[in-house]
Amino acid sequence: MTRSFEHPLIPQVVKDFFTTDSPIQMDVSVEGQEIDDEGRYVIGPWAGPEADMPNLFHEMGHFSDRELDKLEEFPNGGWGYTHGKYWQIGTAWGYEPQTPQSVIREARCWAYQVSLMRHYQLGTDVSEVVQSATFLPAFSMYGKPDCKDDKSRLVRLTEEVDAMSQTTHTFDAFHKAWFDRVGHLMGKRQPQTC
């Protein structure tokens, strides 16, 4: 069964950001990000069992935040990010982050997400947007040595995301970054002439 999602903002967001010839598309049945058969990024509003516009805006934030050379590699999922140092003991295994970099990256995406939510006049509670940071393996490394516990880290992160959404990661900054990446990828896909 194919999942679907409807929201009154979808037609406007599609009109504003997704063209039929773009290297990035939106599909209301997709969770996170994937690559389609034509090598295009496809993003969707699903995160686990729920779909909503903030999830879609977050994935759009990842596209606008990702380095151009990394986008060219067309990873098969997860925007091509690594998950830390691999470990295995017997049959147990996992990845252990070595730095707070993943939290910092998510903070930039959350700032873009908040800017998009404000632009499209969705309710914007920044503390609610960043709440999932506590589930990131690197969260305990964020804000050290200033933040002694998860509550102080979350307060600091909320303040930083809110500040970025109003300074460096505004809707205008998002718009420019989005179309810089779309244009770059479209230029890379054009046939070479001698």
C-alpha atoms as a PDB file:
ATOM      1  CA  MET A   1       0.000   0.000   0.000  1.00  0.00           C
ATOM      2  CA  THR A   2       1.373   3.396  -1.002  1.00  0.00           C
ATOM      3  CA  ARG A   3       1.376   6.071   1.637  1.00  0.00           C
ATOM      4  CA  SER A   4      -0.012   9.467   0.791  1.00  0.00           C
ATOM      5  CA  PHE A   5      -0.167  12.873   2.400  1.00  0.00           C
ATOM      6  CA  GLU A   6      -2.307  15.882   1.649  1.00  0.00           C
ATOM      7  CA  HIS A   7      -1.893  19.431   2.872  1.00  0.00           C
ATOM      8  CA  PRO A   8      -3.203  22.720   1.440  1.00  0.00           C
ATOM      9  CA  LEU A   9       0.374  24.093   1.197  1.00  0.00           C
ATOM     10  CA  ILE A  10       1.707  21.348  -1.054  1.00  0.00           C
ATOM     11  CA  PRO A  11       0.637  22.934  -4.369  1.00  0.00           C
ATOM     12  CA  GLN A  12       2.289  26.234  -3.398  1.00  0.00           C
ATOM     13  CA  VAL A  13       5.512  24.574  -2.206  1.00  0.00           C
ATOM     14  CA  VAL A  14       5.657  22.523  -5.431  1.00  0.00           C
ATOM     15  CA  LYS A  15       5.140  25.685  -7.485  1.00  0.00           C
ATOM     16  CA  ASP A  16       7.800  27.569  -5.485  1.00  0.00           C
ATOM     17  CA  PHE A  17      10.537  24.903  -5.470  1.00  0.00           C
ATOM     18  CA  PHE A  18       9.928  21.825  -7.625  1.00  0.00           C
ATOM     19  CA  THR A  19       9.926  21.939 -11.414  1.00  0.00           C
ATOM     20  CA  THR A  20       9.484  18.897 -13.630  1.00  0.00           C
ATOM     21  CA  ASP A  21      13.060  19.116 -14.957  1.00  0.00           C
ATOM     22  CA  SER A  22      14.645  19.723 -11.543  1.00  0.00           C
ATOM     23  CA  PRO A  23      17.235  17.329 -10.073  1.00  0.00           C
ATOM     24  CA  ILE A  24      15.110  17.268  -6.912  1.00  0.00           C
ATOM     25  CA  GLN A  25      11.490  16.207  -6.732  1.00  0.00           C
ATOM     26  CA  MET A  26       8.874  15.869  -4.016  1.00  0.00           C
ATOM     27  CA  ASP A  27       6.772  12.743  -3.556  1.00  0.00           C
ATOM     28  CA  VAL A  28       4.108  12.647  -0.840  1.00  0.00           C
ATOM     29  CA  SER A  29       4.716   8.923  -0.258  1.00  0.00           C
ATOM     30  CA  VAL A  30       8.465   9.189   0.469  1.00  0.00           C
ATOM     31  CA  GLU A  31      10.137   9.128   3.861  1.00  0.00           C
ATOM     32  CA  GLY A  32      13.170  11.386   4.068  1.00  0.00           C
ATOM     33  CA  GLN A  33      15.237  11.277   0.895  1.00  0.00           C
ATOM     34  CA  GLU A  34      15.902   8.726  -1.830  1.00  0.00           C
ATOM     35  CA  ILE A  35      17.210   8.621  -5.378  1.00  0.00           C
ATOM     36  CA  ASP A  36      14.829   7.772  -8.221  1.00  0.00           C
ATOM     37  CA  ASP A  37      15.585   5.717 -11.350  1.00  0.00           C
ATOM     38  CA  GLU A  38      16.578   8.877 -13.214  1.00  0.00           C
ATOM     39  CA  GLY A  39      19.190   9.825 -10.598  1.00  0.00           C
ATOM     40  CA  ARG A  40      17.150  12.654  -9.088  1.00  0.00           C
ATOM     41  CA  TYR A  41      16.758  13.335  -5.404  1.00  0.00           C
ATOM     42  CA  VAL A  42      13.232  12.679  -4.191  1.00  0.00           C
ATOM     43  CA  ILE A  43      12.158  13.976  -0.807  1.00  0.00           C
ATOM     44  CA  GLY A  44       8.980  13.460   1.119  1.00  0.00           C
ATOM     45  CA  PRO A  45       7.057  14.488   4.209  1.00  0.00           C
ATOM     46  CA  TRP A  46       7.198  11.176   6.069  1.00  0.00           C
ATOM     47  CA  ALA A  47       9.282  10.537   9.187  1.00  0.00           C
ATOM     48  CA  GLY A  48       8.447   7.136  10.563  1.00  0.00           C
ATOM     49  CA  PRO A  49       4.680   6.717  10.846  1.00  0.00           C
ATOM     50  CA  GLU A  50       3.857  10.424  10.460  1.00  0.00           C
ATOM     51  CA  ALA A  51       3.830  12.884   7.588  1.00  0.00           C
ATOM     52  CA  ASP A  52       3.655  16.643   7.887  1.00  0.00           C
ATOM     53  CA  MET A  53       4.928  19.845   6.335  1.00  0.00           C
ATOM     54  CA  PRO A  54       7.675  20.400   8.939  1.00  0.00           C
ATOM     55  CA  ASN A  55       9.170  17.002   7.963  1.00  0.00           C
ATOM     56  CA  LEU A  56       9.147  18.044   4.305  1.00  0.00           C
ATOM     57  CA  PHE A  57      10.699  21.416   5.169  1.00  0.00           C
ATOM     58  CA  HIS A  58      13.404  19.654   7.172  1.00  0.00           C
ATOM     59  CA  GLU A  59      14.376  17.491   4.201  1.00  0.00           C
ATOM     60  CA  MET A  60      14.362  20.576   1.989  1.00  0.00           C
ATOM     61  CA  GLY A  61      16.737  22.107   4.548  1.00  0.00           C
ATOM     62  CA  HIS A  62      19.110  19.162   4.151  1.00  0.00           C
ATOM     63  CA  PHE A  63      19.210  19.675   0.378  1.00  0.00           C
ATOM     64  CA  SER A  64      19.946  23.388   0.782  1.00  0.00           C
ATOM     65  CA  ASP A  65      22.603  22.717   3.417  1.00  0.00           C
ATOM     66  CA  ARG A  66      24.487  19.901   1.656  1.00  0.00           C
ATOM     67  CA  GLU A  67      27.806  20.707   0.016  1.00  0.00           C
ATOM     68  CA  LEU A  68      27.665  20.849  -3.786  1.00  0.00           C
ATOM     69  CA  ASP A  69      30.344  18.205  -4.326  1.00  0.00           C
ATOM     70  CA  LYS A  70      28.554  15.823  -1.967  1.00  0.00           C
ATOM     71  CA  LEU A  71      25.261  16.331  -3.814  1.00  0.00           C
ATOM     72  CA  GLU A  72      26.979  15.401  -7.074  1.00  0.00           C
ATOM     73  CA  GLU A  73      27.817  11.975  -5.672  1.00  0.00           C
ATOM     74  CA  PHE A  74      24.075  11.121  -5.532  1.00  0.00           C
ATOM     75  CA  PRO A  75      24.168   9.029  -2.367  1.00  0.00           C
ATOM     76  CA  ASN A  76      21.557   6.321  -2.102  1.00  0.00           C
ATOM     77  CA  GLY A  77      20.139   7.595   1.161  1.00  0.00           C
ATOM     78  CA  GLY A  78      20.745   9.701   4.207  1.00  0.00           C
ATOM     79  CA  TRP A  79      22.136  12.586   2.121  1.00  0.00           C
ATOM     80  CA  GLY A  80      25.475  10.736   2.013  1.00  0.00           C
ATOM     81  CA  TYR A  81      26.376  11.442   5.649  1.00  0.00           C
ATOM     82  CA  THR A  82      28.443   9.049   7.722  1.00  0.00           C
ATOM     83  CA  HIS A  83      27.319   7.914  11.135  1.00  0.00           C
ATOM     84  CA  GLY A  84      30.576   7.904  13.096  1.00  0.00           C
ATOM     85  CA  LYS A  85      33.097   5.238  13.944  1.00  0.00           C
ATOM     86  CA  TYR A  86      31.885   1.686  13.329  1.00  0.00           C
ATOM     87  CA  TRP A  87      32.219  -0.780  16.208  1.00  0.00           C
ATOM     88  CA  GLN A  88      31.392  -4.448  16.649  1.00  0.00           C
ATOM     89  CA  ILE A  89      31.534  -6.714  19.666  1.00  0.00           C
ATOM     90  CA  GLY A  90      30.387 -10.233  18.874  1.00  0.00           C
ATOM     91  CA  THR A  91      27.065  -9.873  17.093  1.00  0.00           C
ATOM     92  CA  ALA A  92      26.385  -6.380  18.454  1.00  0.00           C
ATOM     93  CA  TRP A  93      27.453  -3.449  16.303  1.00  0.00           C
ATOM     94  CA  GLY A  94      26.843   0.263  15.853  1.00  0.00           C
ATOM     95  CA  TYR A  95      28.301   3.641  15.029  1.00  0.00           C
ATOM     96  CA  GLU A  96      29.771   5.962  17.616  1.00  0.00           C
ATOM     97  CA  PRO A  97      29.977   9.651  16.787  1.00  0.00           C
ATOM     98  CA  GLN A  98      33.326  11.290  17.475  1.00  0.00           C
ATOM     99  CA  THR A  99      32.177  14.921  17.325  1.00  0.00           C
ATOM    100  CA  PRO A 100      28.959  16.944  17.758  1.00  0.00           C
ATOM    101  CA  GLN A 101      28.983  17.659  13.991  1.00  0.00           C
ATOM    102  CA  SER A 102      25.729  15.814  13.300  1.00  0.00           C
ATOM    103  CA  VAL A 103      23.908  17.965  15.859  1.00  0.00           C
ATOM    104  CA  ILE A 104      25.380  21.134  14.355  1.00  0.00           C
ATOM    105  CA  ARG A 105      24.295  20.005  10.868  1.00  0.00           C
ATOM    106  CA  GLU A 106      20.776  19.237  12.091  1.00  0.00           C
ATOM    107  CA  ALA A 107      20.677  22.666  13.766  1.00  0.00           C
ATOM    108  CA  ARG A 108      21.281  24.328  10.391  1.00  0.00           C
ATOM    109  CA  CYS A 109      18.505  22.219   8.820  1.00  0.00           C
ATOM    110  CA  TRP A 110      16.161  23.015  11.711  1.00  0.00           C
ATOM    111  CA  ALA A 111      16.895  26.712  11.220  1.00  0.00           C
ATOM    112  CA  TYR A 112      15.932  26.441   7.548  1.00  0.00           C
ATOM    113  CA  GLN A 113      12.868  24.412   8.564  1.00  0.00           C
ATOM    114  CA  VAL A 114      11.803  27.122  11.038  1.00  0.00           C
ATOM    115  CA  SER A 115      12.302  29.799   8.365  1.00  0.00           C
ATOM    116  CA  LEU A 116      10.130  27.856   5.925  1.00  0.00           C
ATOM    117  CA  MET A 117       7.474  27.293   8.589  1.00  0.00           C
ATOM    118  CA  ARG A 118       7.406  31.031   9.294  1.00  0.00           C
ATOM    119  CA  HIS A 119       7.302  31.887   5.602  1.00  0.00           C
ATOM    120  CA  TYR A 120       4.346  29.573   4.980  1.00  0.00           C
ATOM    121  CA  GLN A 121       2.692  30.685   8.232  1.00  0.00           C
ATOM    122  CA  LEU A 122       2.716  27.355  10.027  1.00  0.00           C
ATOM    123  CA  GLY A 123       2.856  27.295  13.807  1.00  0.00           C
ATOM    124  CA  THR A 124       6.465  27.713  14.819  1.00  0.00           C
ATOM    125  CA  ASP A 125       7.574  26.488  18.226  1.00  0.00           C
ATOM    126  CA  VAL A 126      11.354  26.249  17.881  1.00  0.00           C
ATOM    127  CA  SER A 127      11.712  24.176  21.055  1.00  0.00           C
ATOM    128  CA  GLU A 128       9.319  21.608  19.576  1.00  0.00           C
ATOM    129  CA  VAL A 129      11.244  21.542  16.296  1.00  0.00           C
ATOM    130  CA  VAL A 130      14.572  20.751  18.012  1.00  0.00           C
ATOM    131  CA  GLN A 131      13.156  18.320  20.598  1.00  0.00           C
ATOM    132  CA  SER A 132      14.259  15.291  18.562  1.00  0.00           C
ATOM    133  CA  ALA A 133      17.911  16.323  19.065  1.00  0.00           C
ATOM    134  CA  THR A 134      17.912  14.314  22.288  1.00  0.00           C
ATOM    135  CA  PHE A 135      17.719  11.147  20.152  1.00  0.00           C
ATOM    136  CA  LEU A 136      20.872  11.970  18.182  1.00  0.00           C
ATOM    137  CA  PRO A 137      23.846   9.851  19.323  1.00  0.00           C
ATOM    138  CA  ALA A 138      26.105  12.935  19.351  1.00  0.00           C
ATOM    139  CA  PHE A 139      23.726  15.079  21.422  1.00  0.00           C
ATOM    140  CA  SER A 140      25.692  14.506  24.639  1.00  0.00           C
ATOM    141  CA  MET A 141      28.749  16.069  22.943  1.00  0.00           C
ATOM    142  CA  TYR A 142      26.901  19.231  21.909  1.00  0.00           C
ATOM    143  CA  GLY A 143      27.616  22.378  23.913  1.00  0.00           C
ATOM    144  CA  LYS A 144      30.443  20.965  26.023  1.00  0.00           C
ATOM    145  CA  PRO A 145      31.787  22.207  28.384  1.00  0.00           C
ATOM    146  CA  ASP A 146      29.141  24.951  28.764  1.00  0.00           C
ATOM    147  CA  CYS A 147      26.163  22.587  28.929  1.00  0.00           C
ATOM    148  CA  LYS A 148      26.254  20.083  31.761  1.00  0.00           C
ATOM    149  CA  ASP A 149      23.045  18.169  31.039  1.00  0.00           C
ATOM    150  CA  ASP A 150      20.525  17.432  28.287  1.00  0.00           C
ATOM    151  CA  LYS A 151      18.139  20.159  29.450  1.00  0.00           C
ATOM    152  CA  SER A 152      20.789  22.894  29.219  1.00  0.00           C
ATOM    153  CA  ARG A 153      21.971  21.519  25.859  1.00  0.00           C
ATOM    154  CA  LEU A 154      18.406  21.608  24.521  1.00  0.00           C
ATOM    155  CA  VAL A 155      17.858  25.194  25.728  1.00  0.00           C
ATOM    156  CA  ARG A 156      21.103  26.299  24.085  1.00  0.00           C
ATOM    157  CA  LEU A 157      20.282  24.462  20.852  1.00  0.00           C
ATOM    158  CA  THR A 158      16.798  26.012  20.737  1.00  0.00           C
ATOM    159  CA  GLU A 159      18.270  29.492  21.159  1.00  0.00           C
ATOM    160  CA  GLU A 160      20.889  28.881  18.459  1.00  0.00           C
ATOM    161  CA  VAL A 161      18.382  27.476  15.948  1.00  0.00           C
ATOM    162  CA  ASP A 162      16.046  30.420  16.547  1.00  0.00           C
ATOM    163  CA  ALA A 163      18.908  32.919  16.115  1.00  0.00           C
ATOM    164  CA  MET A 164      20.138  31.220  12.909  1.00  0.00           C
ATOM    165  CA  SER A 165      16.611  31.217  11.465  1.00  0.00           C
ATOM    166  CA  GLN A 166      16.570  34.996  11.859  1.00  0.00           C
ATOM    167  CA  THR A 167      20.140  35.747  10.710  1.00  0.00           C
ATOM    168  CA  THR A 168      22.130  33.240   8.613  1.00  0.00           C
ATOM    169  CA  HIS A 169      19.432  30.679   7.756  1.00  0.00           C
ATOM    170  CA  THR A 170      16.524  32.887   6.793  1.00  0.00           C
ATOM    171  CA  PHE A 171      13.965  32.086   4.117  1.00  0.00           C
ATOM    172  CA  ASP A 172      15.933  34.236   1.645  1.00  0.00           C
ATOM    173  CA  ALA A 173      19.158  32.352   2.461  1.00  0.00           C
ATOM    174  CA  PHE A 174      17.307  29.054   2.048  1.00  0.00           C
ATOM    175  CA  HIS A 175      15.839  30.163  -1.302  1.00  0.00           C
ATOM    176  CA  LYS A 176      19.269  31.145  -2.629  1.00  0.00           C
ATOM    177  CA  ALA A 177      20.948  27.953  -1.400  1.00  0.00           C
ATOM    178  CA  TRP A 178      18.163  25.782  -2.852  1.00  0.00           C
ATOM    179  CA  PHE A 179      18.348  27.276  -6.332  1.00  0.00           C
ATOM    180  CA  ASP A 180      22.163  27.417  -6.276  1.00  0.00           C
ATOM    181  CA  ARG A 181      22.138  23.647  -5.765  1.00  0.00           C
ATOM    182  CA  VAL A 182      19.397  23.010  -8.316  1.00  0.00           C
ATOM    183  CA  GLY A 183      21.264  25.113 -10.897  1.00  0.00           C
ATOM    184  CA  HIS A 184      24.591  23.475 -10.122  1.00  0.00           C
ATOM    185  CA  LEU A 185      23.203  19.962 -10.468  1.00  0.00           C
ATOM    186  CA  MET A 186      21.343  20.848 -13.661  1.00  0.00           C
ATOM    187  CA  GLY A 187      24.536  22.270 -15.131  1.00  0.00           C
ATOM    188  CA  LYS A 188      26.451  19.097 -14.236  1.00  0.00           C
ATOM    189  CA  ARG A 189      23.890  16.949 -16.062  1.00  0.00           C
ATOM    190  CA  GLN A 190      24.036  18.744 -19.383  1.00  0.00           C
ATOM    191  CA  PRO A 191      25.910  16.954 -22.186  1.00  0.00           C
ATOM    192  CA  GLN A 192      29.501  18.048 -22.684  1.00  0.00           C
ATOM    193  CA  THR A 193      30.362  19.613 -26.048  1.00  0.00           C
ATOM    194  CA  CYS A 194      33.805  19.616 -27.660  1.00  0.00           C
END
